[in-house]
Amino acid sequence: MKLLRSMSLRVKTIMIAMVTSSLALTISGMFFSLYDYQNAHQKADQEYKVIATILADRSKVSLEFLDKVSATDNLASLDAHKAITLACL
């Protein structure tokens, strides 16, 4: 408390401005990170839905005619996506 009383008004004003700016930057950084996190999840969900739709369309004939070779080839196309660890028809 003695330190605060011994400071000049100019130094106190600068300290208040710095604390306020730091707090504003921290809060805006947190909101930006949260937005980026949600946006990344939405994009990933959308990408996986597109992949699932394409795979379903390609596998429809394989399932109708019980063609194991083309069904296996369709599932093998998912090897390019490292995030997809399991798939079945």
Foldseek 3Di string as FASTA:
>chain_A
DVVVVPDDPVVVVVVVVVVVVVVVVVVVVVVVVVVVVVVVVVVVVVVVVVLVVVLCVQCVVCVVVVPPVSNVVSVVVCVVPPVDDDDDD
